[in-house]
Amino acid sequence: MNVVSQRQKLVVSNIANADTPGYKTQDLDFQASFLAALDGGSPQPKEVTSLSTKNDGNNVDLDREARLLAENAMRFSAASNLMRMQLNTIKEAIQGGKSA
C-alpha cells in the first residue's frame, strides 16, 4: 500500500504541475518499486522521458495521468481488500474460529 500511496502522490503532483513551465512528469515503476518495498527499500521516482514535450518544456499528459489515477485506485482497492481478508483471518483465529 506504501507504493500505491507514493504513486498517488506523484500522479497528483504531475496534475498540479500540468501548467508549470519546464516541469517533467515523474512516475514509479510499480513492479520494481513493489519488489524494492518487499526488501525494505523505498520507491524511487523517475522522470518519464517517453512523453512529448510542449513548447514550455512541460511534458505532463493529463489523459495519461487520469488513466494512472484510475489504475492506482484499482490497486489500492485490491490491496485494501487483501488486508481486510488477512485481518478477518487473524480475528477468527483469535476468536477460536467463531465468526462475529
C-alpha atoms as a PDB file:
ATOM      1  CA  MET A   1       0.000   0.000   0.000  1.00  0.00           C
ATOM      2  CA  ASN A   2       3.000   2.296   0.507  1.00  0.00           C
ATOM      3  CA  VAL A   3       3.933   2.009  -3.173  1.00  0.00           C
ATOM      4  CA  VAL A   4       0.360   2.789  -4.225  1.00  0.00           C
ATOM      5  CA  SER A   5       0.304   5.786  -1.887  1.00  0.00           C
ATOM      6  CA  GLN A   6       3.631   7.107  -3.208  1.00  0.00           C
ATOM      7  CA  ARG A   7       2.477   6.727  -6.803  1.00  0.00           C
ATOM      8  CA  GLN A   8      -0.759   8.540  -5.992  1.00  0.00           C
ATOM      9  CA  LYS A   9       1.263  11.483  -4.643  1.00  0.00           C
ATOM     10  CA  LEU A  10       3.383  11.588  -7.797  1.00  0.00           C
ATOM     11  CA  VAL A  11       0.376  11.493 -10.125  1.00  0.00           C
ATOM     12  CA  VAL A  12      -1.368  14.244  -8.178  1.00  0.00           C
ATOM     13  CA  SER A  13       1.833  16.311  -8.272  1.00  0.00           C
ATOM     14  CA  ASN A  14       2.071  15.804 -12.037  1.00  0.00           C
ATOM     15  CA  ILE A  15      -1.505  17.009 -12.485  1.00  0.00           C
ATOM     16  CA  ALA A  16      -0.916  20.011 -10.208  1.00  0.00           C
ATOM     17  CA  ASN A  17       2.118  20.979 -12.307  1.00  0.00           C
ATOM     18  CA  ALA A  18       0.468  20.484 -15.711  1.00  0.00           C
ATOM     19  CA  ASP A  19       0.898  24.193 -16.490  1.00  0.00           C
ATOM     20  CA  THR A  20       4.298  24.698 -14.831  1.00  0.00           C
ATOM     21  CA  PRO A  21       6.893  25.569 -17.481  1.00  0.00           C
ATOM     22  CA  GLY A  22       9.774  23.105 -17.546  1.00  0.00           C
ATOM     23  CA  TYR A  23       8.093  20.571 -15.249  1.00  0.00           C
ATOM     24  CA  LYS A  24       8.925  16.958 -16.102  1.00  0.00           C
ATOM     25  CA  THR A  25       6.494  14.134 -15.317  1.00  0.00           C
ATOM     26  CA  GLN A  26       7.626  11.721 -12.622  1.00  0.00           C
ATOM     27  CA  ASP A  27       6.400   8.194 -12.020  1.00  0.00           C
ATOM     28  CA  LEU A  28       7.267   4.924 -10.329  1.00  0.00           C
ATOM     29  CA  ASP A  29       7.956   1.627 -12.000  1.00  0.00           C
ATOM     30  CA  PHE A  30       5.267  -0.136  -9.980  1.00  0.00           C
ATOM     31  CA  GLN A  31       6.755  -3.626 -10.204  1.00  0.00           C
ATOM     32  CA  ALA A  32      10.307  -2.522  -9.357  1.00  0.00           C
ATOM     33  CA  SER A  33       9.040  -0.320  -6.523  1.00  0.00           C
ATOM     34  CA  PHE A  34       6.893  -3.144  -5.152  1.00  0.00           C
ATOM     35  CA  LEU A  35       9.840  -5.540  -5.153  1.00  0.00           C
ATOM     36  CA  ALA A  36      12.060  -2.903  -3.518  1.00  0.00           C
ATOM     37  CA  ALA A  37       9.391  -2.357  -0.824  1.00  0.00           C
ATOM     38  CA  LEU A  38       9.319  -6.093  -0.108  1.00  0.00           C
ATOM     39  CA  ASP A  39      13.076  -5.886   0.542  1.00  0.00           C
ATOM     40  CA  GLY A  40      12.609  -2.910   2.879  1.00  0.00           C
ATOM     41  CA  GLY A  41      13.583  -0.269   0.335  1.00  0.00           C
ATOM     42  CA  SER A  42      11.627   2.799  -0.657  1.00  0.00           C
ATOM     43  CA  PRO A  43      10.156   3.618  -4.078  1.00  0.00           C
ATOM     44  CA  GLN A  44      12.356   5.837  -6.235  1.00  0.00           C
ATOM     45  CA  PRO A  45      10.535   8.217  -8.586  1.00  0.00           C
ATOM     46  CA  LYS A  46      11.958   8.650 -12.063  1.00  0.00           C
ATOM     47  CA  GLU A  47      11.414  11.207 -14.777  1.00  0.00           C
ATOM     48  CA  VAL A  48       9.237   9.935 -17.627  1.00  0.00           C
ATOM     49  CA  THR A  49      11.143  10.661 -20.827  1.00  0.00           C
ATOM     50  CA  SER A  50       8.864   8.982 -23.366  1.00  0.00           C
ATOM     51  CA  LEU A  51       6.259  11.782 -23.342  1.00  0.00           C
ATOM     52  CA  SER A  52       6.087  14.588 -25.868  1.00  0.00           C
ATOM     53  CA  THR A  53       7.317  17.915 -24.544  1.00  0.00           C
ATOM     54  CA  LYS A  54       5.354  21.126 -25.087  1.00  0.00           C
ATOM     55  CA  ASN A  55       6.972  24.418 -26.135  1.00  0.00           C
ATOM     56  CA  ASP A  56       7.329  25.469 -22.478  1.00  0.00           C
ATOM     57  CA  GLY A  57       9.335  22.321 -21.653  1.00  0.00           C
ATOM     58  CA  ASN A  58       6.475  20.660 -19.733  1.00  0.00           C
ATOM     59  CA  ASN A  59       5.639  17.062 -20.643  1.00  0.00           C
ATOM     60  CA  VAL A  60       2.583  16.319 -18.436  1.00  0.00           C
ATOM     61  CA  ASP A  61      -0.106  14.401 -20.348  1.00  0.00           C
ATOM     62  CA  LEU A  62      -3.387  14.824 -18.439  1.00  0.00           C
ATOM     63  CA  ASP A  63      -5.020  11.847 -20.198  1.00  0.00           C
ATOM     64  CA  ARG A  64      -2.153   9.604 -19.064  1.00  0.00           C
ATOM     65  CA  GLU A  65      -2.357  10.946 -15.520  1.00  0.00           C
ATOM     66  CA  ALA A  66      -6.130  10.365 -15.371  1.00  0.00           C
ATOM     67  CA  ARG A  67      -5.581   6.773 -16.510  1.00  0.00           C
ATOM     68  CA  LEU A  68      -2.915   6.303 -13.841  1.00  0.00           C
ATOM     69  CA  LEU A  69      -5.284   7.658 -11.162  1.00  0.00           C
ATOM     70  CA  ALA A  70      -7.895   5.067 -12.142  1.00  0.00           C
ATOM     71  CA  GLU A  71      -5.293   2.284 -12.274  1.00  0.00           C
ATOM     72  CA  ASN A  72      -3.954   3.306  -8.885  1.00  0.00           C
ATOM     73  CA  ALA A  73      -7.453   3.336  -7.383  1.00  0.00           C
ATOM     74  CA  MET A  74      -7.950  -0.270  -8.519  1.00  0.00           C
ATOM     75  CA  ARG A  75      -4.623  -1.304  -6.995  1.00  0.00           C
ATOM     76  CA  PHE A  76      -5.490   0.415  -3.712  1.00  0.00           C
ATOM     77  CA  SER A  77      -8.882  -1.296  -3.641  1.00  0.00           C
ATOM     78  CA  ALA A  78      -7.309  -4.707  -4.259  1.00  0.00           C
ATOM     79  CA  ALA A  79      -4.638  -4.128  -1.600  1.00  0.00           C
ATOM     80  CA  SER A  80      -7.166  -2.952   0.992  1.00  0.00           C
ATOM     81  CA  ASN A  81      -9.413  -5.960   0.275  1.00  0.00           C
ATOM     82  CA  LEU A  82      -6.470  -8.313   0.781  1.00  0.00           C
ATOM     83  CA  MET A  83      -5.559  -6.543   4.014  1.00  0.00           C
ATOM     84  CA  ARG A  84      -9.161  -6.777   5.241  1.00  0.00           C
ATOM     85  CA  MET A  85      -9.244 -10.529   4.485  1.00  0.00           C
ATOM     86  CA  GLN A  86      -5.996 -11.067   6.394  1.00  0.00           C
ATOM     87  CA  LEU A  87      -7.293  -9.118   9.383  1.00  0.00           C
ATOM     88  CA  ASN A  88     -10.521 -11.134   9.354  1.00  0.00           C
ATOM     89  CA  THR A  89      -8.483 -14.358   9.333  1.00  0.00           C
ATOM     90  CA  ILE A  90      -6.483 -13.167  12.341  1.00  0.00           C
ATOM     91  CA  LYS A  91      -9.673 -12.090  14.101  1.00  0.00           C
ATOM     92  CA  GLU A  92     -11.232 -15.519  13.540  1.00  0.00           C
ATOM     93  CA  ALA A  93      -8.089 -17.234  14.824  1.00  0.00           C
ATOM     94  CA  ILE A  94      -8.178 -15.137  17.983  1.00  0.00           C
ATOM     95  CA  GLN A  95     -11.852 -15.912  18.496  1.00  0.00           C
ATOM     96  CA  GLY A  96     -11.221 -19.631  18.093  1.00  0.00           C
ATOM     97  CA  GLY A  97     -12.744 -19.938  14.619  1.00  0.00           C
ATOM     98  CA  LYS A  98     -16.061 -18.370  15.549  1.00  0.00           C
ATOM     99  CA  SER A  99     -17.386 -15.687  13.218  1.00  0.00           C
ATOM    100  CA  ALA A 100     -18.636 -12.460  14.760  1.00  0.00           C
END
